[in-house]
Amino acid sequence: MEIICILLFVYWIIMLVRIISSWFPIPFSGPIRRIMDVVYALTEPVMRPLRNMVPPVRIGAIALDLSPIIIFIVIGVLRQALCTR
């Protein structure tokens, strides 16, 4: 059970990195690009189906993607259910 808790926390961190990185341009090459490719490869398979089910919320000219928020909530619920003692 402890391994699951650690994996959930690590995935939460990876999601946070993905969200923060979306605010900045990613370089075309180099070590940061390779790290971000791994982050996207780990998060996109979870986010893509959610994006298909939950459309972005339009706020004027901006569209807010709700899939990361939903993933954070699910991870929080799972951690609360599985990792509290």
N, C-alpha and C. Protein backbone atom coordinates (compact mmCIF):
# COMPACT_ATOMS: atom_id res chain seq x y z
N MET A 1 0.83 -1.19 0.00
CA MET A 1 0.00 0.00 0.00
C MET A 1 0.87 1.25 0.00
N GLU A 2 1.99 1.19 0.68
CA GLU A 2 2.89 2.34 0.74
C GLU A 2 3.44 2.69 -0.64
N ILE A 3 3.69 1.69 -1.47
CA ILE A 3 4.20 1.95 -2.82
C ILE A 3 3.16 2.71 -3.64
N ILE A 4 1.90 2.34 -3.49
CA ILE A 4 0.83 3.04 -4.20
C ILE A 4 0.77 4.50 -3.76
N CYS A 5 0.90 4.74 -2.48
CA CYS A 5 0.89 6.11 -1.96
C CYS A 5 2.05 6.92 -2.53
N ILE A 6 3.21 6.32 -2.59
CA ILE A 6 4.38 7.01 -3.15
C ILE A 6 4.17 7.29 -4.64
N LEU A 7 3.66 6.31 -5.37
CA LEU A 7 3.41 6.51 -6.80
C LEU A 7 2.37 7.60 -7.05
N LEU A 8 1.33 7.65 -6.24
CA LEU A 8 0.33 8.71 -6.37
C LEU A 8 0.94 10.08 -6.13
N PHE A 9 1.81 10.17 -5.12
CA PHE A 9 2.47 11.44 -4.83
C PHE A 9 3.40 11.84 -5.98
N VAL A 10 4.16 10.89 -6.50
CA VAL A 10 5.07 11.18 -7.61
C VAL A 10 4.28 11.63 -8.83
N TYR A 11 3.16 10.98 -9.12
CA TYR A 11 2.34 11.38 -10.26
C TYR A 11 1.75 12.77 -10.03
N TRP A 12 1.40 13.10 -8.79
CA TRP A 12 0.90 14.43 -8.46
C TRP A 12 1.97 15.48 -8.78
N ILE A 13 3.22 15.18 -8.42
CA ILE A 13 4.33 16.09 -8.71
C ILE A 13 4.52 16.24 -10.22
N ILE A 14 4.45 15.13 -10.95
CA ILE A 14 4.60 15.18 -12.40
C ILE A 14 3.50 16.03 -13.03
N MET A 15 2.28 15.90 -12.53
CA MET A 15 1.17 16.72 -13.04
C MET A 15 1.43 18.20 -12.73
N LEU A 16 1.93 18.49 -11.56
CA LEU A 16 2.24 19.87 -11.20
C LEU A 16 3.31 20.45 -12.13
N VAL A 17 4.33 19.66 -12.43
CA VAL A 17 5.37 20.10 -13.37
C VAL A 17 4.76 20.37 -14.73
N ARG A 18 3.85 19.51 -15.16
CA ARG A 18 3.20 19.70 -16.47
C ARG A 18 2.41 21.00 -16.50
N ILE A 19 1.67 21.27 -15.46
CA ILE A 19 0.85 22.48 -15.42
C ILE A 19 1.73 23.73 -15.40
N ILE A 20 2.73 23.74 -14.55
CA ILE A 20 3.61 24.91 -14.46
C ILE A 20 4.38 25.11 -15.77
N SER A 21 4.81 24.02 -16.38
CA SER A 21 5.56 24.14 -17.63
C SER A 21 4.71 24.68 -18.77
N SER A 22 3.40 24.52 -18.67
CA SER A 22 2.53 25.02 -19.75
C SER A 22 2.49 26.55 -19.77
N TRP A 23 2.96 27.19 -18.73
CA TRP A 23 2.98 28.65 -18.67
C TRP A 23 4.21 29.23 -19.36
N PHE A 24 5.20 28.39 -19.67
CA PHE A 24 6.46 28.84 -20.24
C PHE A 24 6.74 28.11 -21.55
N PRO A 25 7.47 28.76 -22.45
CA PRO A 25 7.84 28.05 -23.69
C PRO A 25 8.87 26.96 -23.40
N ILE A 26 8.71 25.83 -24.06
CA ILE A 26 9.63 24.71 -23.89
C ILE A 26 10.68 24.80 -24.99
N PRO A 27 11.97 24.66 -24.65
CA PRO A 27 13.00 24.72 -25.69
C PRO A 27 12.82 23.61 -26.72
N PHE A 28 13.33 23.84 -27.92
CA PHE A 28 13.21 22.85 -28.99
C PHE A 28 14.12 21.65 -28.79
N SER A 29 15.20 21.83 -28.03
CA SER A 29 16.12 20.71 -27.79
C SER A 29 16.80 20.92 -26.44
N GLY A 30 17.55 19.91 -26.03
CA GLY A 30 18.29 20.01 -24.78
C GLY A 30 17.68 19.15 -23.69
N PRO A 31 18.29 19.17 -22.51
CA PRO A 31 17.83 18.31 -21.42
C PRO A 31 16.44 18.66 -20.91
N ILE A 32 16.09 19.95 -20.89
CA ILE A 32 14.75 20.32 -20.43
C ILE A 32 13.70 19.77 -21.37
N ARG A 33 13.98 19.81 -22.66
CA ARG A 33 13.04 19.27 -23.65
C ARG A 33 12.83 17.76 -23.43
N ARG A 34 13.93 17.06 -23.17
CA ARG A 34 13.81 15.61 -22.94
C ARG A 34 13.01 15.31 -21.68
N ILE A 35 13.22 16.09 -20.63
CA ILE A 35 12.45 15.91 -19.39
C ILE A 35 10.97 16.17 -19.66
N MET A 36 10.69 17.24 -20.39
CA MET A 36 9.29 17.57 -20.68
C MET A 36 8.64 16.53 -21.59
N ASP A 37 9.40 15.94 -22.50
CA ASP A 37 8.87 14.85 -23.32
C ASP A 37 8.43 13.67 -22.44
N VAL A 38 9.23 13.37 -21.41
CA VAL A 38 8.87 12.29 -20.48
C VAL A 38 7.63 12.67 -19.68
N VAL A 39 7.59 13.92 -19.20
CA VAL A 39 6.43 14.39 -18.43
C VAL A 39 5.16 14.29 -19.27
N TYR A 40 5.22 14.74 -20.53
CA TYR A 40 4.05 14.66 -21.40
C TYR A 40 3.69 13.21 -21.71
N ALA A 41 4.69 12.35 -21.90
CA ALA A 41 4.41 10.94 -22.17
C ALA A 41 3.72 10.27 -20.99
N LEU A 42 4.02 10.70 -19.76
CA LEU A 42 3.40 10.12 -18.57
C LEU A 42 2.01 10.68 -18.29
N THR A 43 1.78 11.93 -18.66
CA THR A 43 0.50 12.56 -18.29
C THR A 43 -0.53 12.55 -19.41
N GLU A 44 -0.10 12.57 -20.64
CA GLU A 44 -1.05 12.67 -21.75
C GLU A 44 -2.01 11.47 -21.84
N PRO A 45 -1.58 10.23 -21.59
CA PRO A 45 -2.53 9.12 -21.65
C PRO A 45 -3.68 9.22 -20.64
N VAL A 46 -3.46 9.93 -19.55
CA VAL A 46 -4.53 10.13 -18.56
C VAL A 46 -5.36 11.36 -18.91
N MET A 47 -4.70 12.41 -19.37
CA MET A 47 -5.41 13.66 -19.64
C MET A 47 -6.25 13.61 -20.92
N ARG A 48 -5.78 12.91 -21.95
CA ARG A 48 -6.48 12.88 -23.24
C ARG A 48 -7.92 12.35 -23.11
N PRO A 49 -8.15 11.21 -22.46
CA PRO A 49 -9.55 10.74 -22.34
C PRO A 49 -10.43 11.72 -21.56
N LEU A 50 -9.87 12.36 -20.54
CA LEU A 50 -10.65 13.34 -19.78
C LEU A 50 -11.00 14.55 -20.65
N ARG A 51 -10.06 14.97 -21.47
CA ARG A 51 -10.33 16.10 -22.37
C ARG A 51 -11.44 15.75 -23.35
N ASN A 52 -11.50 14.49 -23.76
CA ASN A 52 -12.56 14.07 -24.68
C ASN A 52 -13.93 14.07 -23.99
N MET A 53 -13.95 13.78 -22.69
CA MET A 53 -15.22 13.73 -21.95
C MET A 53 -15.65 15.10 -21.43
N VAL A 54 -14.68 15.91 -21.00
CA VAL A 54 -14.99 17.21 -20.40
C VAL A 54 -14.39 18.31 -21.28
N PRO A 55 -15.23 19.03 -22.00
CA PRO A 55 -14.69 20.08 -22.87
C PRO A 55 -14.13 21.24 -22.05
N PRO A 56 -13.21 22.00 -22.65
CA PRO A 56 -12.67 23.16 -21.94
C PRO A 56 -13.76 24.19 -21.64
N VAL A 57 -13.61 24.88 -20.54
CA VAL A 57 -14.55 25.94 -20.17
C VAL A 57 -14.07 27.23 -20.82
N ARG A 58 -14.95 27.87 -21.56
CA ARG A 58 -14.60 29.12 -22.23
C ARG A 58 -14.74 30.28 -21.24
N ILE A 59 -13.65 31.05 -21.12
CA ILE A 59 -13.66 32.26 -20.29
C ILE A 59 -13.20 33.38 -21.22
N GLY A 60 -14.15 33.99 -21.89
CA GLY A 60 -13.81 35.01 -22.88
C GLY A 60 -13.06 34.36 -24.03
N ALA A 61 -11.85 34.85 -24.30
CA ALA A 61 -11.04 34.31 -25.39
C ALA A 61 -10.16 33.14 -24.95
N ILE A 62 -10.24 32.77 -23.67
CA ILE A 62 -9.40 31.72 -23.11
C ILE A 62 -10.23 30.47 -22.85
N ALA A 63 -9.63 29.32 -23.11
CA ALA A 63 -10.28 28.05 -22.79
C ALA A 63 -9.51 27.40 -21.63
N LEU A 64 -10.21 27.08 -20.56
CA LEU A 64 -9.60 26.48 -19.37
C LEU A 64 -9.79 24.96 -19.43
N ASP A 65 -8.68 24.25 -19.49
CA ASP A 65 -8.69 22.78 -19.51
C ASP A 65 -8.91 22.28 -18.08
N LEU A 66 -10.00 21.57 -17.86
CA LEU A 66 -10.34 21.09 -16.52
C LEU A 66 -9.72 19.73 -16.19
N SER A 67 -9.14 19.06 -17.18
CA SER A 67 -8.62 17.71 -16.93
C SER A 67 -7.55 17.66 -15.83
N PRO A 68 -6.60 18.59 -15.73
CA PRO A 68 -5.65 18.51 -14.62
C PRO A 68 -6.31 18.67 -13.25
N ILE A 69 -7.32 19.52 -13.18
CA ILE A 69 -8.03 19.72 -11.91
C ILE A 69 -8.72 18.43 -11.50
N ILE A 70 -9.36 17.77 -12.46
CA ILE A 70 -10.04 16.50 -12.17
C ILE A 70 -9.03 15.45 -11.71
N ILE A 71 -7.88 15.40 -12.37
CA ILE A 71 -6.85 14.43 -11.99
C ILE A 71 -6.33 14.71 -10.58
N PHE A 72 -6.11 15.99 -10.25
CA PHE A 72 -5.68 16.33 -8.89
C PHE A 72 -6.72 15.90 -7.86
N ILE A 73 -7.99 16.08 -8.15
CA ILE A 73 -9.05 15.68 -7.23
C ILE A 73 -9.06 14.17 -7.06
N VAL A 74 -8.95 13.43 -8.16
CA VAL A 74 -8.94 11.96 -8.09
C VAL A 74 -7.73 11.47 -7.29
N ILE A 75 -6.57 12.05 -7.55
CA ILE A 75 -5.37 11.64 -6.80
C ILE A 75 -5.56 11.96 -5.31
N GLY A 76 -6.12 13.12 -5.00
CA GLY A 76 -6.35 13.48 -3.61
C GLY A 76 -7.30 12.53 -2.91
N VAL A 77 -8.38 12.16 -3.59
CA VAL A 77 -9.34 11.21 -3.02
C VAL A 77 -8.69 9.84 -2.81
N LEU A 78 -7.95 9.39 -3.81
CA LEU A 78 -7.27 8.09 -3.67
C LEU A 78 -6.25 8.10 -2.54
N ARG A 79 -5.48 9.17 -2.44
CA ARG A 79 -4.50 9.26 -1.35
C ARG A 79 -5.18 9.31 0.01
N GLN A 80 -6.30 10.04 0.08
CA GLN A 80 -7.04 10.11 1.35
C GLN A 80 -7.58 8.74 1.74
N ALA A 81 -8.09 8.01 0.75
CA ALA A 81 -8.69 6.70 1.03
C ALA A 81 -7.63 5.63 1.32
N LEU A 82 -6.50 5.70 0.62
CA LEU A 82 -5.52 4.62 0.72
C LEU A 82 -4.35 4.91 1.66
N CYS A 83 -4.03 6.18 1.83
CA CYS A 83 -2.75 6.51 2.49
C CYS A 83 -2.90 7.10 3.88
N THR A 84 -4.10 7.32 4.36
CA THR A 84 -4.23 7.84 5.73
C THR A 84 -4.23 6.67 6.70
N ARG A 85 -3.65 6.93 7.83
CA ARG A 85 -3.57 5.84 8.82
C ARG A 85 -4.33 6.20 10.06
